[in-house]
Amino acid sequence: MPILKAPPKQLKNATIQVRVEESIKLNLESYSRFIGANHAYVVSEALKLLFKKDDDFKQWLQGGGNDDGHKDNRGVSQVE
């Protein structure tokens, strides 16, 4: 058994740009300082948690992720 462990495999990263409310930005900065991590890590882990916990999303995704009845980015149903 090696004394040193191999470094974790580096995942391919992508860049996104989003606009959020000022209060969310301030909380993101505070939470990042609180856990000693960068903003990208906090956002990535929060999204992973969201995707893992949202059973409706998982079911929708397993169904092929079709657009039937999903809401747009304003929370308005696109299919009535």
PDB file of N, CA and C in Angstrom:
ATOM      1  N   MET A   1       0.857  -1.170   0.000  1.00  0.00           N
ATOM      2  CA  MET A   1       0.000   0.000   0.000  1.00  0.00           C
ATOM      3  C   MET A   1       0.906   1.237   0.000  1.00  0.00           C
ATOM      4  N   PRO A   2       0.673   2.167  -0.943  1.00  0.00           N
ATOM      5  CA  PRO A   2       1.520   3.365  -0.991  1.00  0.00           C
ATOM      6  C   PRO A   2       1.274   4.275   0.214  1.00  0.00           C
ATOM      7  N   ILE A   3       2.316   4.961   0.615  1.00  0.00           N
ATOM      8  CA  ILE A   3       2.201   5.921   1.715  1.00  0.00           C
ATOM      9  C   ILE A   3       1.431   7.151   1.261  1.00  0.00           C
ATOM     10  N   LEU A   4       1.715   7.616   0.053  1.00  0.00           N
ATOM     11  CA  LEU A   4       1.022   8.784  -0.497  1.00  0.00           C
ATOM     12  C   LEU A   4      -0.087   8.325  -1.419  1.00  0.00           C
ATOM     13  N   LYS A   5      -1.210   8.988  -1.330  1.00  0.00           N
ATOM     14  CA  LYS A   5      -2.330   8.691  -2.217  1.00  0.00           C
ATOM     15  C   LYS A   5      -2.203   9.514  -3.492  1.00  0.00           C
ATOM     16  N   ALA A   6      -2.672   8.948  -4.584  1.00  0.00           N
ATOM     17  CA  ALA A   6      -2.683   9.679  -5.844  1.00  0.00           C
ATOM     18  C   ALA A   6      -3.637  10.853  -5.725  1.00  0.00           C
ATOM     19  N   PRO A   7      -3.311  11.968  -6.375  1.00  0.00           N
ATOM     20  CA  PRO A   7      -4.224  13.122  -6.307  1.00  0.00           C
ATOM     21  C   PRO A   7      -5.541  12.779  -6.984  1.00  0.00           C
ATOM     22  N   PRO A   8      -6.634  13.428  -6.536  1.00  0.00           N
ATOM     23  CA  PRO A   8      -7.929  13.156  -7.170  1.00  0.00           C
ATOM     24  C   PRO A   8      -7.892  13.563  -8.639  1.00  0.00           C
ATOM     25  N   LYS A   9      -8.607  12.798  -9.434  1.00  0.00           N
ATOM     26  CA  LYS A   9      -8.669  13.084 -10.863  1.00  0.00           C
ATOM     27  C   LYS A   9      -9.297  14.454 -11.079  1.00  0.00           C
ATOM     28  N   GLN A  10      -8.657  15.260 -11.880  1.00  0.00           N
ATOM     29  CA  GLN A  10      -9.186  16.585 -12.189  1.00  0.00           C
ATOM     30  C   GLN A  10     -10.337  16.458 -13.181  1.00  0.00           C
ATOM     31  N   LEU A  11     -11.476  16.969 -12.789  1.00  0.00           N
ATOM     32  CA  LEU A  11     -12.634  16.949 -13.672  1.00  0.00           C
ATOM     33  C   LEU A  11     -12.543  18.089 -14.664  1.00  0.00           C
ATOM     34  N   LYS A  12     -13.165  17.893 -15.810  1.00  0.00           N
ATOM     35  CA  LYS A  12     -13.203  18.960 -16.806  1.00  0.00           C
ATOM     36  C   LYS A  12     -14.128  20.055 -16.297  1.00  0.00           C
ATOM     37  N   ASN A  13     -13.663  21.258 -16.279  1.00  0.00           N
ATOM     38  CA  ASN A  13     -14.442  22.395 -15.801  1.00  0.00           C
ATOM     39  C   ASN A  13     -14.993  23.198 -16.967  1.00  0.00           C
ATOM     40  N   ALA A  14     -16.109  23.853 -16.719  1.00  0.00           N
ATOM     41  CA  ALA A  14     -16.720  24.757 -17.681  1.00  0.00           C
ATOM     42  C   ALA A  14     -17.011  26.064 -16.952  1.00  0.00           C
ATOM     43  N   THR A  15     -17.054  27.121 -17.684  1.00  0.00           N
ATOM     44  CA  THR A  15     -17.331  28.428 -17.107  1.00  0.00           C
ATOM     45  C   THR A  15     -18.759  28.836 -17.430  1.00  0.00           C
ATOM     46  N   ILE A  16     -19.453  29.357 -16.408  1.00  0.00           N
ATOM     47  CA  ILE A  16     -20.787  29.905 -16.618  1.00  0.00           C
ATOM     48  C   ILE A  16     -20.813  31.306 -16.017  1.00  0.00           C
ATOM     49  N   GLN A  17     -21.726  32.102 -16.486  1.00  0.00           N
ATOM     50  CA  GLN A  17     -21.905  33.437 -15.940  1.00  0.00           C
ATOM     51  C   GLN A  17     -23.376  33.592 -15.602  1.00  0.00           C
ATOM     52  N   VAL A  18     -23.658  33.977 -14.369  1.00  0.00           N
ATOM     53  CA  VAL A  18     -25.039  34.139 -13.935  1.00  0.00           C
ATOM     54  C   VAL A  18     -25.204  35.465 -13.208  1.00  0.00           C
ATOM     55  N   ARG A  19     -26.422  35.952 -13.213  1.00  0.00           N
ATOM     56  CA  ARG A  19     -26.767  37.140 -12.436  1.00  0.00           C
ATOM     57  C   ARG A  19     -27.638  36.686 -11.280  1.00  0.00           C
ATOM     58  N   VAL A  20     -27.315  37.164 -10.086  1.00  0.00           N
ATOM     59  CA  VAL A  20     -28.085  36.809  -8.900  1.00  0.00           C
ATOM     60  C   VAL A  20     -28.394  38.077  -8.120  1.00  0.00           C
ATOM     61  N   GLU A  21     -29.353  37.959  -7.214  1.00  0.00           N
ATOM     62  CA  GLU A  21     -29.670  39.081  -6.340  1.00  0.00           C
ATOM     63  C   GLU A  21     -28.452  39.410  -5.480  1.00  0.00           C
ATOM     64  N   GLU A  22     -28.337  40.659  -5.118  1.00  0.00           N
ATOM     65  CA  GLU A  22     -27.194  41.109  -4.302  1.00  0.00           C
ATOM     66  C   GLU A  22     -27.084  40.304  -3.011  1.00  0.00           C
ATOM     67  N   SER A  23     -28.214  39.980  -2.381  1.00  0.00           N
ATOM     68  CA  SER A  23     -28.168  39.234  -1.123  1.00  0.00           C
ATOM     69  C   SER A  23     -27.591  37.830  -1.325  1.00  0.00           C
ATOM     70  N   ILE A  24     -27.871  37.213  -2.481  1.00  0.00           N
ATOM     71  CA  ILE A  24     -27.317  35.891  -2.770  1.00  0.00           C
ATOM     72  C   ILE A  24     -25.809  35.989  -2.951  1.00  0.00           C
ATOM     73  N   LYS A  25     -25.359  37.016  -3.645  1.00  0.00           N
ATOM     74  CA  LYS A  25     -23.918  37.228  -3.839  1.00  0.00           C
ATOM     75  C   LYS A  25     -23.218  37.407  -2.492  1.00  0.00           C
ATOM     76  N   LEU A  26     -23.812  38.202  -1.622  1.00  0.00           N
ATOM     77  CA  LEU A  26     -23.199  38.432  -0.312  1.00  0.00           C
ATOM     78  C   LEU A  26     -23.166  37.149   0.519  1.00  0.00           C
ATOM     79  N   ASN A  27     -24.250  36.374   0.461  1.00  0.00           N
ATOM     80  CA  ASN A  27     -24.259  35.101   1.182  1.00  0.00           C
ATOM     81  C   ASN A  27     -23.264  34.103   0.598  1.00  0.00           C
ATOM     82  N   LEU A  28     -23.112  34.099  -0.715  1.00  0.00           N
ATOM     83  CA  LEU A  28     -22.123  33.235  -1.356  1.00  0.00           C
ATOM     84  C   LEU A  28     -20.718  33.594  -0.875  1.00  0.00           C
ATOM     85  N   GLU A  29     -20.420  34.877  -0.854  1.00  0.00           N
ATOM     86  CA  GLU A  29     -19.108  35.315  -0.370  1.00  0.00           C
ATOM     87  C   GLU A  29     -18.897  34.923   1.090  1.00  0.00           C
ATOM     88  N   SER A  30     -19.912  35.122   1.916  1.00  0.00           N
ATOM     89  CA  SER A  30     -19.814  34.771   3.331  1.00  0.00           C
ATOM     90  C   SER A  30     -19.649  33.268   3.524  1.00  0.00           C
ATOM     91  N   TYR A  31     -20.447  32.487   2.806  1.00  0.00           N
ATOM     92  CA  TYR A  31     -20.368  31.037   2.962  1.00  0.00           C
ATOM     93  C   TYR A  31     -19.022  30.514   2.485  1.00  0.00           C
ATOM     94  N   SER A  32     -18.516  31.088   1.409  1.00  0.00           N
ATOM     95  CA  SER A  32     -17.199  30.695   0.909  1.00  0.00           C
ATOM     96  C   SER A  32     -16.119  30.938   1.954  1.00  0.00           C
ATOM     97  N   ARG A  33     -16.183  32.093   2.593  1.00  0.00           N
ATOM     98  CA  ARG A  33     -15.217  32.388   3.672  1.00  0.00           C
ATOM     99  C   ARG A  33     -15.423  31.439   4.839  1.00  0.00           C
ATOM    100  N   PHE A  34     -16.683  31.152   5.177  1.00  0.00           N
ATOM    101  CA  PHE A  34     -17.036  30.302   6.301  1.00  0.00           C
ATOM    102  C   PHE A  34     -16.418  28.908   6.172  1.00  0.00           C
ATOM    103  N   ILE A  35     -16.466  28.325   4.959  1.00  0.00           N
ATOM    104  CA  ILE A  35     -15.917  26.976   4.791  1.00  0.00           C
ATOM    105  C   ILE A  35     -14.512  26.977   4.193  1.00  0.00           C
ATOM    106  N   GLY A  36     -13.973  28.158   3.893  1.00  0.00           N
ATOM    107  CA  GLY A  36     -12.614  28.247   3.355  1.00  0.00           C
ATOM    108  C   GLY A  36     -12.493  27.704   1.945  1.00  0.00           C
ATOM    109  N   ALA A  37     -13.470  28.005   1.117  1.00  0.00           N
ATOM    110  CA  ALA A  37     -13.471  27.517  -0.266  1.00  0.00           C
ATOM    111  C   ALA A  37     -13.747  28.677  -1.215  1.00  0.00           C
ATOM    112  N   ASN A  38     -13.506  28.439  -2.491  1.00  0.00           N
ATOM    113  CA  ASN A  38     -13.792  29.497  -3.460  1.00  0.00           C
ATOM    114  C   ASN A  38     -15.258  29.446  -3.895  1.00  0.00           C
ATOM    115  N   HIS A  39     -15.703  30.494  -4.543  1.00  0.00           N
ATOM    116  CA  HIS A  39     -17.103  30.617  -4.958  1.00  0.00           C
ATOM    117  C   HIS A  39     -17.519  29.480  -5.894  1.00  0.00           C
ATOM    118  N   ALA A  40     -16.647  29.116  -6.820  1.00  0.00           N
ATOM    119  CA  ALA A  40     -16.968  28.068  -7.788  1.00  0.00           C
ATOM    120  C   ALA A  40     -17.258  26.746  -7.074  1.00  0.00           C
ATOM    121  N   TYR A  41     -16.487  26.432  -6.043  1.00  0.00           N
ATOM    122  CA  TYR A  41     -16.699  25.199  -5.296  1.00  0.00           C
ATOM    123  C   TYR A  41     -18.067  25.219  -4.618  1.00  0.00           C
ATOM    124  N   VAL A  42     -18.402  26.334  -3.965  1.00  0.00           N
ATOM    125  CA  VAL A  42     -19.669  26.436  -3.245  1.00  0.00           C
ATOM    126  C   VAL A  42     -20.840  26.293  -4.219  1.00  0.00           C
ATOM    127  N   VAL A  43     -20.791  26.977  -5.340  1.00  0.00           N
ATOM    128  CA  VAL A  43     -21.870  26.904  -6.317  1.00  0.00           C
ATOM    129  C   VAL A  43     -21.977  25.491  -6.884  1.00  0.00           C
ATOM    130  N   SER A  44     -20.860  24.884  -7.236  1.00  0.00           N
ATOM    131  CA  SER A  44     -20.876  23.531  -7.788  1.00  0.00           C
ATOM    132  C   SER A  44     -21.466  22.528  -6.802  1.00  0.00           C
ATOM    133  N   GLU A  45     -21.040  22.597  -5.559  1.00  0.00           N
ATOM    134  CA  GLU A  45     -21.540  21.659  -4.557  1.00  0.00           C
ATOM    135  C   GLU A  45     -23.016  21.903  -4.245  1.00  0.00           C
ATOM    136  N   ALA A  46     -23.426  23.160  -4.246  1.00  0.00           N
ATOM    137  CA  ALA A  46     -24.838  23.472  -4.004  1.00  0.00           C
ATOM    138  C   ALA A  46     -25.704  22.927  -5.138  1.00  0.00           C
ATOM    139  N   LEU A  47     -25.246  23.057  -6.379  1.00  0.00           N
ATOM    140  CA  LEU A  47     -26.000  22.528  -7.512  1.00  0.00           C
ATOM    141  C   LEU A  47     -26.041  21.006  -7.481  1.00  0.00           C
ATOM    142  N   LYS A  48     -24.923  20.365  -7.134  1.00  0.00           N
ATOM    143  CA  LYS A  48     -24.919  18.907  -7.002  1.00  0.00           C
ATOM    144  C   LYS A  48     -25.949  18.462  -5.971  1.00  0.00           C
ATOM    145  N   LEU A  49     -26.009  19.160  -4.856  1.00  0.00           N
ATOM    146  CA  LEU A  49     -26.970  18.836  -3.804  1.00  0.00           C
ATOM    147  C   LEU A  49     -28.403  19.024  -4.302  1.00  0.00           C
ATOM    148  N   LEU A  50     -28.647  20.110  -4.997  1.00  0.00           N
ATOM    149  CA  LEU A  50     -29.970  20.370  -5.567  1.00  0.00           C
ATOM    150  C   LEU A  50     -30.389  19.253  -6.516  1.00  0.00           C
ATOM    151  N   PHE A  51     -29.497  18.892  -7.441  1.00  0.00           N
ATOM    152  CA  PHE A  51     -29.814  17.855  -8.420  1.00  0.00           C
ATOM    153  C   PHE A  51     -30.037  16.505  -7.742  1.00  0.00           C
ATOM    154  N   LYS A  52     -29.302  16.231  -6.669  1.00  0.00           N
ATOM    155  CA  LYS A  52     -29.425  14.962  -5.952  1.00  0.00           C
ATOM    156  C   LYS A  52     -30.732  14.884  -5.163  1.00  0.00           C
ATOM    157  N   LYS A  53     -31.187  16.001  -4.608  1.00  0.00           N
ATOM    158  CA  LYS A  53     -32.347  16.010  -3.728  1.00  0.00           C
ATOM    159  C   LYS A  53     -33.684  16.194  -4.450  1.00  0.00           C
ATOM    160  N   ASP A  54     -33.674  16.723  -5.653  1.00  0.00           N
ATOM    161  CA  ASP A  54     -34.918  17.041  -6.355  1.00  0.00           C
ATOM    162  C   ASP A  54     -35.430  15.817  -7.114  1.00  0.00           C
ATOM    163  N   ASP A  55     -36.348  15.085  -6.479  1.00  0.00           N
ATOM    164  CA  ASP A  55     -36.874  13.864  -7.077  1.00  0.00           C
ATOM    165  C   ASP A  55     -37.650  14.133  -8.363  1.00  0.00           C
ATOM    166  N   ASP A  56     -38.375  15.247  -8.427  1.00  0.00           N
ATOM    167  CA  ASP A  56     -39.117  15.584  -9.646  1.00  0.00           C
ATOM    168  C   ASP A  56     -38.154  15.808 -10.812  1.00  0.00           C
ATOM    169  N   PHE A  57     -37.036  16.471 -10.548  1.00  0.00           N
ATOM    170  CA  PHE A  57     -36.037  16.710 -11.596  1.00  0.00           C
ATOM    171  C   PHE A  57     -35.431  15.392 -12.066  1.00  0.00           C
ATOM    172  N   LYS A  58     -35.098  14.508 -11.120  1.00  0.00           N
ATOM    173  CA  LYS A  58     -34.517  13.213 -11.490  1.00  0.00           C
ATOM    174  C   LYS A  58     -35.485  12.420 -12.354  1.00  0.00           C
ATOM    175  N   GLN A  59     -36.753  12.438 -11.984  1.00  0.00           N
ATOM    176  CA  GLN A  59     -37.770  11.721 -12.761  1.00  0.00           C
ATOM    177  C   GLN A  59     -37.896  12.337 -14.157  1.00  0.00           C
ATOM    178  N   TRP A  60     -37.926  13.655 -14.231  1.00  0.00           N
ATOM    179  CA  TRP A  60     -38.018  14.349 -15.516  1.00  0.00           C
ATOM    180  C   TRP A  60     -36.817  14.015 -16.392  1.00  0.00           C
ATOM    181  N   LEU A  61     -35.634  13.991 -15.781  1.00  0.00           N
ATOM    182  CA  LEU A  61     -34.405  13.708 -16.513  1.00  0.00           C
ATOM    183  C   LEU A  61     -34.406  12.271 -17.026  1.00  0.00           C
ATOM    184  N   GLN A  62     -34.862  11.333 -16.210  1.00  0.00           N
ATOM    185  CA  GLN A  62     -34.932   9.927 -16.628  1.00  0.00           C
ATOM    186  C   GLN A  62     -35.927   9.727 -17.759  1.00  0.00           C
ATOM    187  N   GLY A  63     -36.915  10.599 -17.835  1.00  0.00           N
ATOM    188  CA  GLY A  63     -37.896  10.532 -18.911  1.00  0.00           C
ATOM    189  C   GLY A  63     -37.395  11.158 -20.195  1.00  0.00           C
ATOM    190  N   GLY A  64     -36.136  11.459 -20.274  1.00  0.00           N
ATOM    191  CA  GLY A  64     -35.558  12.026 -21.491  1.00  0.00           C
ATOM    192  C   GLY A  64     -35.388  13.524 -21.438  1.00  0.00           C
ATOM    193  N   GLY A  65     -35.828  14.154 -20.354  1.00  0.00           N
ATOM    194  CA  GLY A  65     -35.652  15.592 -20.227  1.00  0.00           C
ATOM    195  C   GLY A  65     -36.433  16.388 -21.254  1.00  0.00           C
ATOM    196  N   ASN A  66     -37.607  15.865 -21.646  1.00  0.00           N
ATOM    197  CA  ASN A  66     -38.389  16.612 -22.631  1.00  0.00           C
ATOM    198  C   ASN A  66     -38.957  17.871 -21.977  1.00  0.00           C
ATOM    199  N   ASP A  67     -39.417  18.789 -22.784  1.00  0.00           N
ATOM    200  CA  ASP A  67     -39.860  20.087 -22.290  1.00  0.00           C
ATOM    201  C   ASP A  67     -41.322  20.110 -21.863  1.00  0.00           C
ATOM    202  N   ASP A  68     -42.015  18.993 -21.909  1.00  0.00           N
ATOM    203  CA  ASP A  68     -43.436  18.973 -21.574  1.00  0.00           C
ATOM    204  C   ASP A  68     -43.678  19.424 -20.145  1.00  0.00           C
ATOM    205  N   GLY A  69     -44.299  20.571 -20.009  1.00  0.00           N
ATOM    206  CA  GLY A  69     -44.718  21.042 -18.699  1.00  0.00           C
ATOM    207  C   GLY A  69     -43.648  21.638 -17.827  1.00  0.00           C
ATOM    208  N   HIS A  70     -42.428  21.808 -18.321  1.00  0.00           N
ATOM    209  CA  HIS A  70     -41.439  22.421 -17.432  1.00  0.00           C
ATOM    210  C   HIS A  70     -41.583  23.928 -17.452  1.00  0.00           C
ATOM    211  N   LYS A  71     -41.031  24.554 -16.459  1.00  0.00           N
ATOM    212  CA  LYS A  71     -41.151  26.000 -16.335  1.00  0.00           C
ATOM    213  C   LYS A  71     -39.938  26.683 -16.916  1.00  0.00           C
ATOM    214  N   ASP A  72     -40.143  27.879 -17.461  1.00  0.00           N
ATOM    215  CA  ASP A  72     -39.009  28.627 -17.975  1.00  0.00           C
ATOM    216  C   ASP A  72     -38.274  29.288 -16.816  1.00  0.00           C
ATOM    217  N   ASN A  73     -37.243  30.056 -17.113  1.00  0.00           N
ATOM    218  CA  ASN A  73     -36.407  30.629 -16.055  1.00  0.00           C
ATOM    219  C   ASN A  73     -37.113  31.701 -15.228  1.00  0.00           C
ATOM    220  N   ARG A  74     -38.355  32.028 -15.567  1.00  0.00           N
ATOM    221  CA  ARG A  74     -39.122  32.976 -14.743  1.00  0.00           C
ATOM    222  C   ARG A  74     -40.140  32.243 -13.904  1.00  0.00           C
ATOM    223  N   GLY A  75     -40.168  30.904 -13.995  1.00  0.00           N
ATOM    224  CA  GLY A  75     -41.118  30.111 -13.223  1.00  0.00           C
ATOM    225  C   GLY A  75     -42.477  30.021 -13.869  1.00  0.00           C
ATOM    226  N   VAL A  76     -42.555  30.335 -15.168  1.00  0.00           N
ATOM    227  CA  VAL A  76     -43.819  30.307 -15.886  1.00  0.00           C
ATOM    228  C   VAL A  76     -43.891  29.017 -16.678  1.00  0.00           C
ATOM    229  N   SER A  77     -44.983  28.287 -16.525  1.00  0.00           N
ATOM    230  CA  SER A  77     -45.144  27.029 -17.257  1.00  0.00           C
ATOM    231  C   SER A  77     -45.203  27.323 -18.749  1.00  0.00           C
ATOM    232  N   GLN A  78     -44.426  26.554 -19.524  1.00  0.00           N
ATOM    233  CA  GLN A  78     -44.406  26.761 -20.964  1.00  0.00           C
ATOM    234  C   GLN A  78     -45.487  25.979 -21.675  1.00  0.00           C
ATOM    235  N   VAL A  79     -46.008  24.943 -21.039  1.00  0.00           N
ATOM    236  CA  VAL A  79     -47.053  24.130 -21.653  1.00  0.00           C
ATOM    237  C   VAL A  79     -48.268  24.177 -20.727  1.00  0.00           C
ATOM    238  N   GLU A  80     -49.369  24.647 -21.232  1.00  0.00           N
ATOM    239  CA  GLU A  80     -50.587  24.772 -20.416  1.00  0.00           C
ATOM    240  C   GLU A  80     -51.528  23.643 -20.734  1.00  0.00           C
TER     241      GLU A  80
END
